[in-house]
Amino acid sequence: MIEISPTLSIDEREIQLSFVRAEGPGGQNVNKVSTVVQLRFDALHSPSLPPRVRDRLLTIAGSRITKDGILMITARRFRTQAQ
């Protein structure tokens, strides 16, 4: 379980991580190493979120929520998976 607050936790199985190749300049590793991390979380159908929290998340997530209610966060700041 991932503790969000003392009263809210999300089951780790509800979060999917995938690694994809970064675009743009990257030196020796460009087009070879998958260093961008994409996090996916089905906010619309999550049993872990109370309705009030779900509604607020869907409202404030903006373009990070797909039309199917999937929250997608992409991390590309660093050039290694570990970072």
PDB file of N, CA and C in Angstrom:
ATOM      1  N   MET A   1       0.837  -1.188   0.000  1.00  0.00           N
ATOM      2  CA  MET A   1       0.000   0.000   0.000  1.00  0.00           C
ATOM      3  C   MET A   1       0.879   1.246   0.000  1.00  0.00           C
ATOM      4  N   ILE A   2       0.450   2.218  -0.751  1.00  0.00           N
ATOM      5  CA  ILE A   2       1.128   3.512  -0.792  1.00  0.00           C
ATOM      6  C   ILE A   2       0.279   4.482   0.027  1.00  0.00           C
ATOM      7  N   GLU A   3       0.847   4.979   1.111  1.00  0.00           N
ATOM      8  CA  GLU A   3       0.106   5.892   1.980  1.00  0.00           C
ATOM      9  C   GLU A   3       0.161   7.304   1.409  1.00  0.00           C
ATOM     10  N   ILE A   4      -1.005   7.840   1.093  1.00  0.00           N
ATOM     11  CA  ILE A   4      -1.134   9.205   0.580  1.00  0.00           C
ATOM     12  C   ILE A   4      -1.313  10.165   1.756  1.00  0.00           C
ATOM     13  N   SER A   5      -2.129   9.762   2.698  1.00  0.00           N
ATOM     14  CA  SER A   5      -2.376  10.531   3.916  1.00  0.00           C
ATOM     15  C   SER A   5      -2.728   9.508   4.998  1.00  0.00           C
ATOM     16  N   PRO A   6      -2.892   9.939   6.253  1.00  0.00           N
ATOM     17  CA  PRO A   6      -3.262   8.979   7.298  1.00  0.00           C
ATOM     18  C   PRO A   6      -4.579   8.244   7.027  1.00  0.00           C
ATOM     19  N   THR A   7      -5.446   8.828   6.201  1.00  0.00           N
ATOM     20  CA  THR A   7      -6.751   8.208   5.942  1.00  0.00           C
ATOM     21  C   THR A   7      -6.908   7.680   4.513  1.00  0.00           C
ATOM     22  N   LEU A   8      -5.867   7.818   3.686  1.00  0.00           N
ATOM     23  CA  LEU A   8      -5.973   7.408   2.287  1.00  0.00           C
ATOM     24  C   LEU A   8      -4.731   6.647   1.847  1.00  0.00           C
ATOM     25  N   SER A   9      -4.946   5.437   1.333  1.00  0.00           N
ATOM     26  CA  SER A   9      -3.867   4.605   0.795  1.00  0.00           C
ATOM     27  C   SER A   9      -4.319   4.042  -0.547  1.00  0.00           C
ATOM     28  N   ILE A  10      -3.342   3.820  -1.442  1.00  0.00           N
ATOM     29  CA  ILE A  10      -3.625   3.247  -2.751  1.00  0.00           C
ATOM     30  C   ILE A  10      -2.849   1.941  -2.873  1.00  0.00           C
ATOM     31  N   ASP A  11      -3.529   0.913  -3.320  1.00  0.00           N
ATOM     32  CA  ASP A  11      -2.895  -0.374  -3.536  1.00  0.00           C
ATOM     33  C   ASP A  11      -1.879  -0.231  -4.673  1.00  0.00           C
ATOM     34  N   GLU A  12      -0.671  -0.704  -4.460  1.00  0.00           N
ATOM     35  CA  GLU A  12       0.400  -0.591  -5.458  1.00  0.00           C
ATOM     36  C   GLU A  12       0.028  -1.257  -6.781  1.00  0.00           C
ATOM     37  N   ARG A  13      -0.830  -2.254  -6.735  1.00  0.00           N
ATOM     38  CA  ARG A  13      -1.240  -2.946  -7.959  1.00  0.00           C
ATOM     39  C   ARG A  13      -2.100  -2.076  -8.871  1.00  0.00           C
ATOM     40  N   GLU A  14      -2.593  -0.953  -8.347  1.00  0.00           N
ATOM     41  CA  GLU A  14      -3.397  -0.047  -9.161  1.00  0.00           C
ATOM     42  C   GLU A  14      -2.535   0.900  -9.999  1.00  0.00           C
ATOM     43  N   ILE A  15      -1.254   0.915  -9.751  1.00  0.00           N
ATOM     44  CA  ILE A  15      -0.342   1.826 -10.450  1.00  0.00           C
ATOM     45  C   ILE A  15       0.520   1.017 -11.407  1.00  0.00           C
ATOM     46  N   GLN A  16       0.582   1.472 -12.633  1.00  0.00           N
ATOM     47  CA  GLN A  16       1.410   0.818 -13.649  1.00  0.00           C
ATOM     48  C   GLN A  16       2.531   1.762 -14.054  1.00  0.00           C
ATOM     49  N   LEU A  17       3.749   1.252 -14.079  1.00  0.00           N
ATOM     50  CA  LEU A  17       4.905   2.018 -14.529  1.00  0.00           C
ATOM     51  C   LEU A  17       5.435   1.395 -15.805  1.00  0.00           C
ATOM     52  N   SER A  18       5.801   2.240 -16.753  1.00  0.00           N
ATOM     53  CA  SER A  18       6.440   1.745 -17.964  1.00  0.00           C
ATOM     54  C   SER A  18       7.552   2.714 -18.348  1.00  0.00           C
ATOM     55  N   PHE A  19       8.551   2.180 -19.021  1.00  0.00           N
ATOM     56  CA  PHE A  19       9.690   2.979 -19.450  1.00  0.00           C
ATOM     57  C   PHE A  19       9.681   3.061 -20.970  1.00  0.00           C
ATOM     58  N   VAL A  20       9.853   4.273 -21.488  1.00  0.00           N
ATOM     59  CA  VAL A  20       9.878   4.492 -22.932  1.00  0.00           C
ATOM     60  C   VAL A  20      11.099   5.326 -23.289  1.00  0.00           C
ATOM     61  N   ARG A  21      11.429   5.339 -24.546  1.00  0.00           N
ATOM     62  CA  ARG A  21      12.589   6.101 -25.001  1.00  0.00           C
ATOM     63  C   ARG A  21      12.290   7.590 -24.992  1.00  0.00           C
ATOM     64  N   ALA A  22      13.292   8.354 -24.570  1.00  0.00           N
ATOM     65  CA  ALA A  22      13.169   9.810 -24.535  1.00  0.00           C
ATOM     66  C   ALA A  22      13.358  10.372 -25.940  1.00  0.00           C
ATOM     67  N   GLU A  23      12.710  11.472 -26.209  1.00  0.00           N
ATOM     68  CA  GLU A  23      12.882  12.164 -27.480  1.00  0.00           C
ATOM     69  C   GLU A  23      13.916  13.263 -27.320  1.00  0.00           C
ATOM     70  N   GLY A  24      14.458  13.718 -28.424  1.00  0.00           N
ATOM     71  CA  GLY A  24      15.375  14.848 -28.404  1.00  0.00           C
ATOM     72  C   GLY A  24      16.806  14.430 -28.178  1.00  0.00           C
ATOM     73  N   PRO A  25      17.680  15.422 -27.983  1.00  0.00           N
ATOM     74  CA  PRO A  25      19.108  15.132 -27.824  1.00  0.00           C
ATOM     75  C   PRO A  25      19.369  14.358 -26.535  1.00  0.00           C
ATOM     76  N   GLY A  26      20.298  13.419 -26.611  1.00  0.00           N
ATOM     77  CA  GLY A  26      20.591  12.628 -25.426  1.00  0.00           C
ATOM     78  C   GLY A  26      21.976  12.032 -25.421  1.00  0.00           C
ATOM     79  N   GLY A  27      22.811  12.449 -26.348  1.00  0.00           N
ATOM     80  CA  GLY A  27      24.175  11.935 -26.360  1.00  0.00           C
ATOM     81  C   GLY A  27      24.226  10.485 -26.804  1.00  0.00           C
ATOM     82  N   GLN A  28      25.075   9.712 -26.187  1.00  0.00           N
ATOM     83  CA  GLN A  28      25.304   8.325 -26.593  1.00  0.00           C
ATOM     84  C   GLN A  28      24.077   7.436 -26.432  1.00  0.00           C
ATOM     85  N   ASN A  29      23.206   7.748 -25.484  1.00  0.00           N
ATOM     86  CA  ASN A  29      22.083   6.860 -25.192  1.00  0.00           C
ATOM     87  C   ASN A  29      20.821   7.171 -25.973  1.00  0.00           C
ATOM     88  N   VAL A  30      20.819   8.234 -26.773  1.00  0.00           N
ATOM     89  CA  VAL A  30      19.601   8.606 -27.478  1.00  0.00           C
ATOM     90  C   VAL A  30      19.148   7.453 -28.377  1.00  0.00           C
ATOM     91  N   ASN A  31      17.860   7.169 -28.360  1.00  0.00           N
ATOM     92  CA  ASN A  31      17.227   6.095 -29.130  1.00  0.00           C
ATOM     93  C   ASN A  31      17.726   4.697 -28.764  1.00  0.00           C
ATOM     94  N   LYS A  32      18.396   4.527 -27.636  1.00  0.00           N
ATOM     95  CA  LYS A  32      18.888   3.212 -27.215  1.00  0.00           C
ATOM     96  C   LYS A  32      18.332   2.797 -25.860  1.00  0.00           C
ATOM     97  N   VAL A  33      18.174   3.751 -24.955  1.00  0.00           N
ATOM     98  CA  VAL A  33      17.814   3.439 -23.576  1.00  0.00           C
ATOM     99  C   VAL A  33      16.453   4.058 -23.247  1.00  0.00           C
ATOM    100  N   SER A  34      15.583   3.285 -22.630  1.00  0.00           N
ATOM    101  CA  SER A  34      14.259   3.781 -22.229  1.00  0.00           C
ATOM    102  C   SER A  34      14.381   4.460 -20.874  1.00  0.00           C
ATOM    103  N   THR A  35      14.444   5.784 -20.883  1.00  0.00           N
ATOM    104  CA  THR A  35      14.669   6.526 -19.643  1.00  0.00           C
ATOM    105  C   THR A  35      13.468   7.354 -19.188  1.00  0.00           C
ATOM    106  N   VAL A  36      12.458   7.488 -20.016  1.00  0.00           N
ATOM    107  CA  VAL A  36      11.259   8.220 -19.617  1.00  0.00           C
ATOM    108  C   VAL A  36      10.333   7.248 -18.884  1.00  0.00           C
ATOM    109  N   VAL A  37       9.828   7.669 -17.728  1.00  0.00           N
ATOM    110  CA  VAL A  37       8.920   6.831 -16.943  1.00  0.00           C
ATOM    111  C   VAL A  37       7.500   7.353 -17.106  1.00  0.00           C
ATOM    112  N   GLN A  38       6.575   6.464 -17.415  1.00  0.00           N
ATOM    113  CA  GLN A  38       5.163   6.820 -17.485  1.00  0.00           C
ATOM    114  C   GLN A  38       4.420   6.078 -16.389  1.00  0.00           C
ATOM    115  N   LEU A  39       3.725   6.832 -15.560  1.00  0.00           N
ATOM    116  CA  LEU A  39       2.899   6.275 -14.496  1.00  0.00           C
ATOM    117  C   LEU A  39       1.453   6.364 -14.951  1.00  0.00           C
ATOM    118  N   ARG A  40       0.723   5.276 -14.803  1.00  0.00           N
ATOM    119  CA  ARG A  40      -0.708   5.236 -15.140  1.00  0.00           C
ATOM    120  C   ARG A  40      -1.492   4.776 -13.913  1.00  0.00           C
ATOM    121  N   PHE A  41      -2.591   5.484 -13.662  1.00  0.00           N
ATOM    122  CA  PHE A  41      -3.454   5.162 -12.529  1.00  0.00           C
ATOM    123  C   PHE A  41      -4.898   5.379 -12.964  1.00  0.00           C
ATOM    124  N   ASP A  42      -5.708   4.344 -12.884  1.00  0.00           N
ATOM    125  CA  ASP A  42      -7.108   4.431 -13.282  1.00  0.00           C
ATOM    126  C   ASP A  42      -7.907   5.101 -12.166  1.00  0.00           C
ATOM    127  N   ALA A  43      -7.887   6.410 -12.174  1.00  0.00           N
ATOM    128  CA  ALA A  43      -8.539   7.191 -11.119  1.00  0.00           C
ATOM    129  C   ALA A  43     -10.052   7.021 -11.136  1.00  0.00           C
ATOM    130  N   LEU A  44     -10.616   6.902 -12.312  1.00  0.00           N
ATOM    131  CA  LEU A  44     -12.072   6.806 -12.438  1.00  0.00           C
ATOM    132  C   LEU A  44     -12.621   5.520 -11.819  1.00  0.00           C
ATOM    133  N   HIS A  45     -11.874   4.420 -11.901  1.00  0.00           N
ATOM    134  CA  HIS A  45     -12.360   3.130 -11.415  1.00  0.00           C
ATOM    135  C   HIS A  45     -11.618   2.606 -10.186  1.00  0.00           C
ATOM    136  N   SER A  46     -10.800   3.417  -9.571  1.00  0.00           N
ATOM    137  CA  SER A  46     -10.015   2.969  -8.424  1.00  0.00           C
ATOM    138  C   SER A  46     -10.903   2.708  -7.208  1.00  0.00           C
ATOM    139  N   PRO A  47     -10.801   1.501  -6.635  1.00  0.00           N
ATOM    140  CA  PRO A  47     -11.557   1.219  -5.414  1.00  0.00           C
ATOM    141  C   PRO A  47     -10.939   1.898  -4.183  1.00  0.00           C
ATOM    142  N   SER A  48      -9.733   2.408  -4.316  1.00  0.00           N
ATOM    143  CA  SER A  48      -9.042   3.031  -3.187  1.00  0.00           C
ATOM    144  C   SER A  48      -9.476   4.475  -2.935  1.00  0.00           C
ATOM    145  N   LEU A  49     -10.055   5.116  -3.942  1.00  0.00           N
ATOM    146  CA  LEU A  49     -10.401   6.529  -3.800  1.00  0.00           C
ATOM    147  C   LEU A  49     -11.855   6.724  -3.389  1.00  0.00           C
ATOM    148  N   PRO A  50     -12.076   7.466  -2.322  1.00  0.00           N
ATOM    149  CA  PRO A  50     -13.454   7.834  -1.977  1.00  0.00           C
ATOM    150  C   PRO A  50     -14.013   8.747  -3.072  1.00  0.00           C
ATOM    151  N   PRO A  51     -15.317   8.756  -3.291  1.00  0.00           N
ATOM    152  CA  PRO A  51     -15.905   9.560  -4.364  1.00  0.00           C
ATOM    153  C   PRO A  51     -15.488  11.031  -4.348  1.00  0.00           C
ATOM    154  N   ARG A  52     -15.423  11.632  -3.171  1.00  0.00           N
ATOM    155  CA  ARG A  52     -15.053  13.047  -3.076  1.00  0.00           C
ATOM    156  C   ARG A  52     -13.628  13.289  -3.570  1.00  0.00           C
ATOM    157  N   VAL A  53     -12.715  12.408  -3.194  1.00  0.00           N
ATOM    158  CA  VAL A  53     -11.318  12.522  -3.608  1.00  0.00           C
ATOM    159  C   VAL A  53     -11.202  12.270  -5.111  1.00  0.00           C
ATOM    160  N   ARG A  54     -11.918  11.260  -5.616  1.00  0.00           N
ATOM    161  CA  ARG A  54     -11.914  10.943  -7.047  1.00  0.00           C
ATOM    162  C   ARG A  54     -12.390  12.143  -7.867  1.00  0.00           C
ATOM    163  N   ASP A  55     -13.492  12.736  -7.458  1.00  0.00           N
ATOM    164  CA  ASP A  55     -14.037  13.886  -8.187  1.00  0.00           C
ATOM    165  C   ASP A  55     -13.055  15.050  -8.207  1.00  0.00           C
ATOM    166  N   ARG A  56     -12.417  15.300  -7.083  1.00  0.00           N
ATOM    167  CA  ARG A  56     -11.438  16.400  -7.022  1.00  0.00           C
ATOM    168  C   ARG A  56     -10.243  16.100  -7.919  1.00  0.00           C
ATOM    169  N   LEU A  57      -9.736  14.869  -7.883  1.00  0.00           N
ATOM    170  CA  LEU A  57      -8.607  14.492  -8.725  1.00  0.00           C
ATOM    171  C   LEU A  57      -8.944  14.657 -10.201  1.00  0.00           C
ATOM    172  N   LEU A  58     -10.109  14.183 -10.607  1.00  0.00           N
ATOM    173  CA  LEU A  58     -10.515  14.303 -12.006  1.00  0.00           C
ATOM    174  C   LEU A  58     -10.647  15.760 -12.427  1.00  0.00           C
ATOM    175  N   THR A  59     -11.009  16.625 -11.500  1.00  0.00           N
ATOM    176  CA  THR A  59     -11.154  18.045 -11.799  1.00  0.00           C
ATOM    177  C   THR A  59      -9.805  18.747 -11.923  1.00  0.00           C
ATOM    178  N   ILE A  60      -8.896  18.482 -10.994  1.00  0.00           N
ATOM    179  CA  ILE A  60      -7.638  19.250 -10.982  1.00  0.00           C
ATOM    180  C   ILE A  60      -6.540  18.651 -11.867  1.00  0.00           C
ATOM    181  N   ALA A  61      -6.699  17.422 -12.321  1.00  0.00           N
ATOM    182  CA  ALA A  61      -5.638  16.791 -13.112  1.00  0.00           C
ATOM    183  C   ALA A  61      -5.510  17.367 -14.523  1.00  0.00           C
ATOM    184  N   GLY A  62      -6.550  17.975 -15.018  1.00  0.00           N
ATOM    185  CA  GLY A  62      -6.488  18.631 -16.324  1.00  0.00           C
ATOM    186  C   GLY A  62      -6.097  17.682 -17.444  1.00  0.00           C
ATOM    187  N   SER A  63      -5.063  18.048 -18.199  1.00  0.00           N
ATOM    188  CA  SER A  63      -4.647  17.262 -19.367  1.00  0.00           C
ATOM    189  C   SER A  63      -3.946  15.961 -18.991  1.00  0.00           C
ATOM    190  N   ARG A  64      -3.697  15.736 -17.716  1.00  0.00           N
ATOM    191  CA  ARG A  64      -3.064  14.484 -17.289  1.00  0.00           C
ATOM    192  C   ARG A  64      -4.072  13.327 -17.193  1.00  0.00           C
ATOM    193  N   ILE A  65      -5.357  13.640 -17.313  1.00  0.00           N
ATOM    194  CA  ILE A  65      -6.403  12.611 -17.264  1.00  0.00           C
ATOM    195  C   ILE A  65      -6.894  12.351 -18.692  1.00  0.00           C
ATOM    196  N   THR A  66      -6.941  11.064 -19.061  1.00  0.00           N
ATOM    197  CA  THR A  66      -7.469  10.720 -20.376  1.00  0.00           C
ATOM    198  C   THR A  66      -8.996  10.732 -20.328  1.00  0.00           C
ATOM    199  N   LYS A  67      -9.619  10.616 -21.486  1.00  0.00           N
ATOM    200  CA  LYS A  67     -11.091  10.595 -21.525  1.00  0.00           C
ATOM    201  C   LYS A  67     -11.667   9.377 -20.805  1.00  0.00           C
ATOM    202  N   ASP A  68     -10.830   8.341 -20.604  1.00  0.00           N
ATOM    203  CA  ASP A  68     -11.256   7.131 -19.895  1.00  0.00           C
ATOM    204  C   ASP A  68     -11.002   7.197 -18.394  1.00  0.00           C
ATOM    205  N   GLY A  69     -10.485   8.341 -17.901  1.00  0.00           N
ATOM    206  CA  GLY A  69     -10.250   8.503 -16.474  1.00  0.00           C
ATOM    207  C   GLY A  69      -8.911   7.980 -15.987  1.00  0.00           C
ATOM    208  N   ILE A  70      -7.961   7.770 -16.908  1.00  0.00           N
ATOM    209  CA  ILE A  70      -6.631   7.291 -16.541  1.00  0.00           C
ATOM    210  C   ILE A  70      -5.729   8.498 -16.290  1.00  0.00           C
ATOM    211  N   LEU A  71      -5.150   8.557 -15.107  1.00  0.00           N
ATOM    212  CA  LEU A  71      -4.182   9.600 -14.781  1.00  0.00           C
ATOM    213  C   LEU A  71      -2.829   9.157 -15.324  1.00  0.00           C
ATOM    214  N   MET A  72      -2.217  10.000 -16.152  1.00  0.00           N
ATOM    215  CA  MET A  72      -0.906   9.686 -16.728  1.00  0.00           C
ATOM    216  C   MET A  72       0.083  10.774 -16.340  1.00  0.00           C
ATOM    217  N   ILE A  73       1.164  10.346 -15.717  1.00  0.00           N
ATOM    218  CA  ILE A  73       2.237  11.265 -15.339  1.00  0.00           C
ATOM    219  C   ILE A  73       3.505  10.770 -16.010  1.00  0.00           C
ATOM    220  N   THR A  74       4.193  11.673 -16.687  1.00  0.00           N
ATOM    221  CA  THR A  74       5.425  11.329 -17.388  1.00  0.00           C
ATOM    222  C   THR A  74       6.585  12.063 -16.744  1.00  0.00           C
ATOM    223  N   ALA A  75       7.623  11.303 -16.388  1.00  0.00           N
ATOM    224  CA  ALA A  75       8.830  11.882 -15.794  1.00  0.00           C
ATOM    225  C   ALA A  75       9.968  11.718 -16.790  1.00  0.00           C
ATOM    226  N   ARG A  76      10.533  12.843 -17.226  1.00  0.00           N
ATOM    227  CA  ARG A  76      11.614  12.783 -18.204  1.00  0.00           C
ATOM    228  C   ARG A  76      12.766  13.716 -17.852  1.00  0.00           C
ATOM    229  N   ARG A  77      12.827  14.174 -16.632  1.00  0.00           N
ATOM    230  CA  ARG A  77      13.830  15.144 -16.226  1.00  0.00           C
ATOM    231  C   ARG A  77      15.240  14.577 -16.249  1.00  0.00           C
ATOM    232  N   PHE A  78      15.386  13.320 -15.818  1.00  0.00           N
ATOM    233  CA  PHE A  78      16.703  12.703 -15.738  1.00  0.00           C
ATOM    234  C   PHE A  78      16.919  11.733 -16.866  1.00  0.00           C
ATOM    235  N   ARG A  79      18.161  11.315 -17.086  1.00  0.00           N
ATOM    236  CA  ARG A  79      18.499  10.452 -18.214  1.00  0.00           C
ATOM    237  C   ARG A  79      18.770   9.004 -17.804  1.00  0.00           C
ATOM    238  N   THR A  80      18.393   8.625 -16.586  1.00  0.00           N
ATOM    239  CA  THR A  80      18.520   7.236 -16.183  1.00  0.00           C
ATOM    240  C   THR A  80      17.221   6.792 -15.509  1.00  0.00           C
ATOM    241  N   GLN A  81      16.915   5.514 -15.585  1.00  0.00           N
ATOM    242  CA  GLN A  81      15.695   5.001 -14.958  1.00  0.00           C
ATOM    243  C   GLN A  81      15.738   5.160 -13.449  1.00  0.00           C
ATOM    244  N   ALA A  82      16.890   4.964 -12.858  1.00  0.00           N
ATOM    245  CA  ALA A  82      16.997   5.033 -11.403  1.00  0.00           C
ATOM    246  C   ALA A  82      16.656   6.425 -10.871  1.00  0.00           C
ATOM    247  N   GLN A  83      17.048   7.437 -11.592  1.00  0.00           N
ATOM    248  CA  GLN A  83      16.759   8.802 -11.134  1.00  0.00           C
ATOM    249  C   GLN A  83      15.308   9.128 -11.339  1.00  0.00           C
TER     250      GLN A  83
END
